[in-house]
Protein backbone atom coordinates (compact mmCIF):
# COMPACT_ATOMS: atom_id res chain seq x y z
CA MET A 1 -0.30 29.06 -15.67
CA SER A 2 1.99 29.78 -18.59
CA MET A 3 5.58 28.65 -18.92
CA GLY A 4 6.71 32.26 -18.89
CA ARG A 5 4.99 33.03 -15.61
CA PHE A 6 6.62 30.04 -13.97
CA ALA A 7 10.03 30.67 -15.44
CA ASN A 8 10.06 34.30 -14.35
CA SER A 9 8.60 33.70 -10.91
CA THR A 10 10.91 34.61 -8.05
CA ASP A 11 8.38 34.01 -5.28
CA PRO A 12 9.38 30.76 -3.49
CA ARG A 13 6.04 30.72 -1.67
CA SER A 14 4.31 29.69 -4.91
CA GLY A 15 5.80 26.22 -4.48
CA LEU A 16 6.41 25.98 -8.25
CA GLU A 17 9.50 26.44 -10.35
CA VAL A 18 10.38 25.60 -13.95
CA VAL A 19 13.87 24.35 -14.73
CA ARG A 20 15.46 22.83 -17.83
CA ASP A 21 17.09 19.42 -18.03
CA TRP A 22 20.33 18.78 -19.96
CA ASN A 23 18.28 18.32 -23.16
CA GLY A 24 16.56 21.68 -22.70
CA VAL A 25 13.21 20.07 -21.83
CA ALA A 26 11.19 21.87 -19.16
CA GLN A 27 10.61 20.28 -15.78
CA VAL A 28 8.22 21.65 -13.18
CA VAL A 29 9.40 21.40 -9.57
CA LEU A 30 6.74 21.28 -6.84
CA ARG A 31 7.71 21.97 -3.23
CA SER A 32 5.75 21.61 -0.01
CA PRO A 33 6.21 23.96 2.98
CA LYS A 34 7.89 21.17 4.98
CA GLY A 35 10.49 20.43 2.31
CA ALA A 36 9.05 17.56 0.27
CA SER A 37 9.35 17.94 -3.49
CA ALA A 38 8.34 16.43 -6.81
CA ARG A 39 9.64 17.02 -10.31
CA VAL A 40 7.55 16.56 -13.45
CA SER A 41 9.06 16.53 -16.92
CA LEU A 42 7.16 17.78 -19.96
CA HIS A 43 8.85 14.88 -21.73
CA GLY A 44 6.21 12.20 -21.23
CA GLY A 45 4.38 14.02 -18.45
CA GLN A 46 6.66 11.83 -16.35
CA VAL A 47 7.21 12.29 -12.62
CA VAL A 48 10.99 11.97 -12.47
CA SER A 49 11.48 12.63 -8.75
CA TRP A 50 9.55 12.54 -5.48
CA ARG A 51 11.41 13.36 -2.27
CA ASN A 52 10.20 13.42 1.33
CA ASP A 53 10.84 16.31 3.71
CA HIS A 54 14.22 14.77 4.61
CA GLY A 55 15.31 14.96 0.97
CA GLU A 56 15.19 11.18 0.51
CA GLU A 57 14.32 10.06 -3.03
CA LEU A 58 11.28 7.78 -3.00
CA LEU A 59 11.18 6.85 -6.69
CA PHE A 60 13.75 4.66 -8.42
CA THR A 61 15.68 5.80 -11.47
CA SER A 62 18.26 3.54 -13.08
CA SER A 63 21.87 4.71 -13.09
CA LYS A 64 21.90 3.66 -16.75
CA ALA A 65 18.67 5.45 -17.69
CA ILE A 66 18.75 7.18 -21.06
CA PHE A 67 17.73 10.82 -20.61
CA LYS A 68 17.08 11.71 -24.21
CA PRO A 69 13.80 12.08 -26.13
CA PRO A 70 12.03 10.33 -27.69
CA ASN A 71 12.71 7.45 -25.27
CA ALA A 72 11.16 7.42 -21.81
CA MET A 73 13.52 7.49 -18.85
CA ARG A 74 13.83 4.18 -16.97
CA GLY A 75 12.28 5.14 -13.63
CA GLY A 76 9.90 7.57 -11.95
CA ILE A 77 6.22 7.39 -12.91
CA GLN A 78 5.42 6.96 -16.59
CA MET A 79 2.06 7.53 -18.32
CA CYS A 80 1.26 4.33 -20.24
CA PHE A 81 -1.40 5.23 -22.82
CA PRO A 82 -3.13 4.26 -25.12
CA GLN A 83 -1.83 0.84 -24.27
CA SER A 84 -0.14 -0.49 -21.17
CA MET A 85 2.18 -3.44 -20.64
CA GLN A 86 1.86 -6.30 -23.14
CA PHE A 87 -1.91 -6.15 -23.11
CA GLY A 88 -4.34 -4.42 -25.42
CA TYR A 89 -3.21 -3.03 -28.74
CA SER A 90 -0.37 -4.34 -30.84
CA GLY A 91 0.94 -3.71 -34.33
CA THR A 92 2.40 -0.25 -34.92
CA LEU A 93 1.74 1.02 -31.38
CA GLU A 94 4.62 1.18 -28.93
CA ARG A 95 4.53 -1.41 -26.15
CA HIS A 96 3.70 1.03 -23.36
CA GLY A 97 1.93 3.51 -25.61
CA PHE A 98 3.27 6.77 -27.01
CA ALA A 99 2.16 9.23 -24.29
CA ARG A 100 5.31 8.66 -22.23
CA ASN A 101 7.51 9.52 -25.23
CA ARG A 102 5.86 12.78 -26.30
CA ILE A 103 6.45 16.39 -25.26
CA TRP A 104 3.47 17.63 -23.24
CA ALA A 105 2.33 21.21 -22.73
CA LEU A 106 1.23 23.17 -19.69
CA ASP A 107 -2.58 23.21 -19.56
CA ASP A 108 -3.77 26.80 -19.20
CA GLU A 109 -7.39 26.40 -20.26
CA HIS A 110 -9.22 23.58 -18.51
CA PRO A 111 -7.39 22.27 -15.44
CA PRO A 112 -8.92 19.19 -13.80
CA ILE A 113 -11.55 19.62 -11.12
CA ASN A 114 -9.97 19.30 -7.68
CA HIS A 115 -12.44 18.49 -4.93
CA ASN A 116 -9.87 19.14 -2.19
CA ASP A 117 -8.87 22.49 -0.77
CA ASN A 118 -6.53 24.02 -3.35
CA ALA A 119 -4.56 25.71 -0.58
CA SER A 120 -3.57 22.31 0.82
CA LYS A 121 -1.68 21.30 -2.33
CA VAL A 122 0.66 22.69 -4.95
CA SER A 123 -0.24 21.42 -8.43
CA VAL A 124 0.73 21.57 -12.07
CA ASP A 125 -1.59 20.79 -14.99
CA LEU A 126 -0.31 19.28 -18.24
CA ILE A 127 -2.03 18.35 -21.50
CA LEU A 128 -1.27 16.04 -24.41
CA LYS A 129 -3.03 16.05 -27.77
CA PRO A 130 -2.18 13.69 -30.66
CA SER A 131 0.18 14.77 -33.40
CA GLU A 132 -0.30 13.89 -37.06
CA ASP A 133 2.16 11.02 -36.63
CA ASP A 134 0.26 9.77 -33.58
CA LEU A 135 -2.97 9.73 -35.58
CA LYS A 136 -1.33 7.61 -38.26
CA CYS A 137 -0.60 4.79 -35.80
CA TRP A 138 -3.66 5.33 -33.58
CA PRO A 139 -6.37 7.25 -35.49
CA HIS A 140 -8.30 8.72 -32.55
CA CYS A 141 -8.49 12.33 -31.40
CA PHE A 142 -8.15 12.73 -27.63
CA GLU A 143 -7.24 15.22 -24.93
CA PHE A 144 -5.19 13.80 -22.06
CA ARG A 145 -5.08 16.14 -19.07
CA LEU A 146 -2.82 15.35 -16.15
CA ARG A 147 -2.70 17.08 -12.77
CA VAL A 148 0.26 16.30 -10.50
CA SER A 149 -0.06 17.57 -6.91
CA LEU A 150 2.07 17.56 -3.79
CA SER A 151 0.30 17.95 -0.44
CA LYS A 152 1.54 19.85 2.60
CA VAL A 153 2.66 16.57 4.19
CA GLY A 154 4.41 15.40 1.01
CA ASP A 155 1.84 13.00 -0.46
CA LEU A 156 1.99 12.77 -4.25
CA SER A 157 -1.21 12.56 -6.30
CA LEU A 158 -1.92 12.25 -10.02
CA ILE A 159 -5.26 12.76 -11.74
CA SER A 160 -5.58 11.77 -15.40
CA ARG A 161 -8.55 12.78 -17.52
CA ILE A 162 -8.83 11.41 -21.03
CA ARG A 163 -11.57 12.77 -23.29
CA ASN A 164 -12.77 11.42 -26.62
CA VAL A 165 -12.95 14.34 -29.07
CA ASN A 166 -13.25 11.85 -31.90
CA GLY A 167 -16.27 11.17 -34.11
CA LYS A 168 -16.35 7.51 -33.10
CA PRO A 169 -15.73 5.41 -29.96
CA PHE A 170 -12.23 4.26 -29.06
CA SER A 171 -10.75 1.91 -26.47
CA PHE A 172 -7.49 1.97 -24.54
CA SER A 173 -5.67 0.52 -21.56
CA PHE A 174 -3.75 2.60 -19.04
CA ALA A 175 -1.15 2.39 -16.29
CA TYR A 176 0.78 4.67 -13.98
CA HIS A 177 4.07 2.79 -14.40
CA THR A 178 5.53 3.51 -10.95
CA TYR A 179 9.12 2.66 -9.98
CA LEU A 180 9.38 2.64 -6.20
CA SER A 181 12.77 2.87 -4.49
CA VAL A 182 13.28 0.10 -1.91
CA SER A 183 16.18 -0.88 0.34
CA ASP A 184 16.33 -4.56 -0.68
CA ILE A 185 13.70 -6.39 -2.75
CA SER A 186 14.12 -9.49 -0.57
CA GLU A 187 12.97 -7.41 2.43
CA VAL A 188 9.82 -6.07 0.77
CA ARG A 189 6.26 -7.35 0.76
CA ILE A 190 2.98 -6.15 -0.72
CA GLU A 191 -0.24 -6.31 1.27
CA GLY A 192 -3.75 -5.90 -0.13
CA LEU A 193 -3.56 -8.30 -3.08
CA GLU A 194 -4.06 -11.55 -1.15
CA THR A 195 -6.49 -14.13 -2.63
CA LEU A 196 -6.82 -12.14 -5.88
CA ASP A 197 -6.60 -13.56 -9.39
CA TYR A 198 -3.68 -12.45 -11.48
CA LEU A 199 -2.55 -12.75 -15.09
CA ASP A 200 1.04 -13.99 -15.25
CA ASN A 201 3.03 -12.48 -18.11
CA LEU A 202 5.76 -15.06 -17.48
CA SER A 203 3.25 -17.86 -18.25
CA HIS A 204 1.59 -16.48 -21.40
CA LYS A 205 -0.94 -14.43 -19.39
CA GLU A 206 -2.31 -17.54 -17.71
CA ARG A 207 -4.68 -16.82 -14.83
CA PHE A 208 -3.72 -17.85 -11.29
CA THR A 209 -4.95 -17.08 -7.77
CA GLU A 210 -2.60 -15.51 -5.23
CA GLN A 211 -2.02 -18.01 -2.40
CA GLY A 212 0.30 -16.10 -0.06
CA ASP A 213 -0.61 -13.94 2.92
CA ALA A 214 1.44 -11.21 1.23
CA ILE A 215 3.49 -10.96 -1.95
CA THR A 216 7.23 -11.43 -1.41
CA PHE A 217 10.05 -11.66 -3.97
CA GLU A 218 12.53 -14.43 -4.70
CA SER A 219 12.58 -14.34 -8.52
CA GLU A 220 11.27 -12.38 -11.51
CA VAL A 221 7.66 -11.24 -11.17
CA ASP A 222 5.46 -9.77 -13.92
CA ARG A 223 1.78 -9.97 -12.98
CA VAL A 224 -1.49 -8.12 -13.39
CA TYR A 225 -3.70 -8.45 -10.30
CA VAL A 226 -7.27 -7.93 -11.49
CA SER A 227 -10.27 -6.41 -9.71
CA SER A 228 -8.01 -5.21 -6.91
CA PRO A 229 -8.91 -3.09 -3.86
CA ASN A 230 -8.35 0.66 -4.04
CA VAL A 231 -5.68 0.65 -1.32
CA VAL A 232 -2.46 -1.39 -1.45
CA ALA A 233 0.65 -1.17 0.74
CA VAL A 234 4.31 -1.88 -0.03
CA LEU A 235 6.19 -2.59 3.22
CA ASP A 236 9.96 -2.13 3.34
CA HIS A 237 11.22 -3.91 6.46
CA GLU A 238 14.77 -2.54 6.33
CA LYS A 239 13.65 1.09 6.05
CA LYS A 240 10.71 0.54 8.42
CA GLN A 241 8.75 2.48 5.82
CA SER A 242 5.69 1.71 3.74
CA PHE A 243 4.28 3.10 0.53
CA VAL A 244 0.50 3.39 0.66
CA ILE A 245 -0.99 3.36 -2.83
CA LYS A 246 -4.55 4.63 -3.28
CA LYS A 247 -6.34 4.59 -6.61
CA GLU A 248 -9.67 5.33 -8.28
CA GLY A 249 -10.91 4.34 -11.73
CA LEU A 250 -8.07 1.81 -12.07
CA PRO A 251 -9.24 -1.72 -11.23
CA ASP A 252 -5.93 -3.56 -11.69
CA VAL A 253 -2.46 -3.55 -10.14
CA VAL A 254 0.66 -4.50 -12.11
CA VAL A 255 3.59 -5.87 -10.07
CA TRP A 256 6.98 -6.12 -11.78
CA ASN A 257 10.57 -6.82 -10.85
CA PRO A 258 12.93 -8.08 -13.60
CA TRP A 259 15.31 -9.92 -11.23
CA GLU A 260 18.87 -10.84 -12.14
CA LYS A 261 18.66 -12.59 -15.52
CA LYS A 262 16.40 -10.07 -17.28
CA SER A 263 18.23 -7.11 -15.74
CA LYS A 264 21.34 -8.11 -17.66
CA THR A 265 19.47 -7.91 -20.97
CA MET A 266 18.24 -4.34 -20.45
CA VAL A 267 20.62 -1.69 -21.79
CA ASP A 268 19.15 1.09 -19.63
CA PHE A 269 19.14 -0.86 -16.38
CA GLY A 270 22.00 -1.89 -14.08
CA ASP A 271 22.70 -5.59 -13.58
CA GLU A 272 22.11 -5.42 -9.81
CA GLU A 273 19.54 -2.62 -9.68
CA TYR A 274 16.58 -4.98 -9.44
CA LYS A 275 17.42 -5.20 -5.73
CA GLN A 276 16.59 -1.52 -5.16
CA MET A 277 13.34 -1.18 -7.13
CA LEU A 278 9.80 -2.47 -7.41
CA CYS A 279 7.11 -1.44 -9.87
CA VAL A 280 3.57 -1.38 -8.48
CA ASP A 281 1.29 0.19 -11.06
CA ALA A 282 -2.30 1.35 -10.70
CA ALA A 283 -3.75 0.25 -14.04
CA ALA A 284 -6.68 -0.63 -16.25
CA VAL A 285 -5.36 -3.60 -18.21
CA GLU A 286 -7.63 -6.66 -18.16
CA ARG A 287 -10.62 -4.82 -19.64
CA ALA A 288 -10.14 -1.94 -22.03
CA ILE A 289 -11.73 1.43 -21.28
CA THR A 290 -14.11 2.53 -24.04
CA LEU A 291 -15.17 6.13 -24.56
CA LYS A 292 -17.95 7.30 -26.81
CA PRO A 293 -17.58 10.69 -28.56
CA GLY A 294 -17.53 13.43 -25.93
CA GLU A 295 -17.08 11.03 -23.00
CA GLU A 296 -14.28 11.36 -20.45
CA TRP A 297 -12.50 8.88 -18.19
CA THR A 298 -10.73 9.76 -14.95
CA GLY A 299 -8.03 7.74 -13.19
CA LYS A 300 -6.50 8.81 -9.88
CA LEU A 301 -3.41 7.76 -7.94
CA GLU A 302 -2.13 8.89 -4.55
CA LEU A 303 1.19 7.81 -3.04
CA SER A 304 2.13 8.23 0.61
CA ALA A 305 5.32 7.21 2.39
CA VAL A 306 4.63 6.43 6.05
CA SER A 307 6.17 4.64 8.99
CA SER A 308 5.40 0.93 8.76
CA THR A 309 3.93 1.05 12.27
CA ASN A 310 1.28 3.46 10.97
CA CYS A 311 0.59 1.61 7.74
CA SER A 312 -2.50 -0.24 8.98
CA ASP A 313 -4.19 3.09 9.79
CA HIS A 314 -3.98 4.08 6.12
CA LEU A 315 -5.22 0.69 4.91
CA ASP A 316 -8.28 0.84 7.16
CA HIS A 317 -9.41 4.28 6.03
CA PRO A 318 -11.56 4.78 2.91
CA VAL A 319 -10.04 6.22 -0.23
CA SER A 320 -10.20 9.99 -0.59
CA ILE A 321 -8.09 11.45 -3.37
């Protein structure tokens, strides 16, 4: 699965194509037979686009996003490792970790194990290993393998495998920082997090219990819902569409919308764009993941966009990624 083989491929049936962005960084485009697509940048291993079979973009990207390494683009799905959000490590480490700001490589040697029928998905495998500079700020050797897949019906799945190739244990937190595109944040609600405890980043990480029947939005929200179920739904009333989020190995869910005041302080975010986005991240934040030498951790995420009338069917079914 080399870059050359992709770049020279002229067979559209493969479902894979490599293109270059305006900075010359490779992006892998995945296409399903029905017309859905996803685009994965080697800058950050970031999913920068996910479109349904009607060509509608399902992920949010800011109109003011900065598309230039080493900074991560504001939008899509970012890999937050070895720390996520404000939790975990501090000091010289970047706030969301450095994985989202590095150039990844195509993984030719040891692609992740896929328990599903390979013919039912088109996939790309990426790998990140620490540079000398990375080891100076976080002195742990690791291999981070990422598989991004698009199913025949347009579902997007990500499987991350992080292995300790160090001589001593290390700990990290993790998040798939996922920017969903919504019609109007005031018309959106999240189901599946009711009655859960959450850590509120707007109140110095104080712990509260969710009281609502569903989460709705009237102001800035920045929370970590802990010990959450493996299936959560984001219902968009105006679009009559729901995102169904399934996860494994990731016990927490981060919910974030900057709202009006904070939006105006962010140079790579439009003043009014908070109305069209919502971050719902599958994460491991409250308790760090610790790996002994040779151990490996796996975290999985699957995103589906379905009619809201069919959303309950997806919530009732067990997770199978």
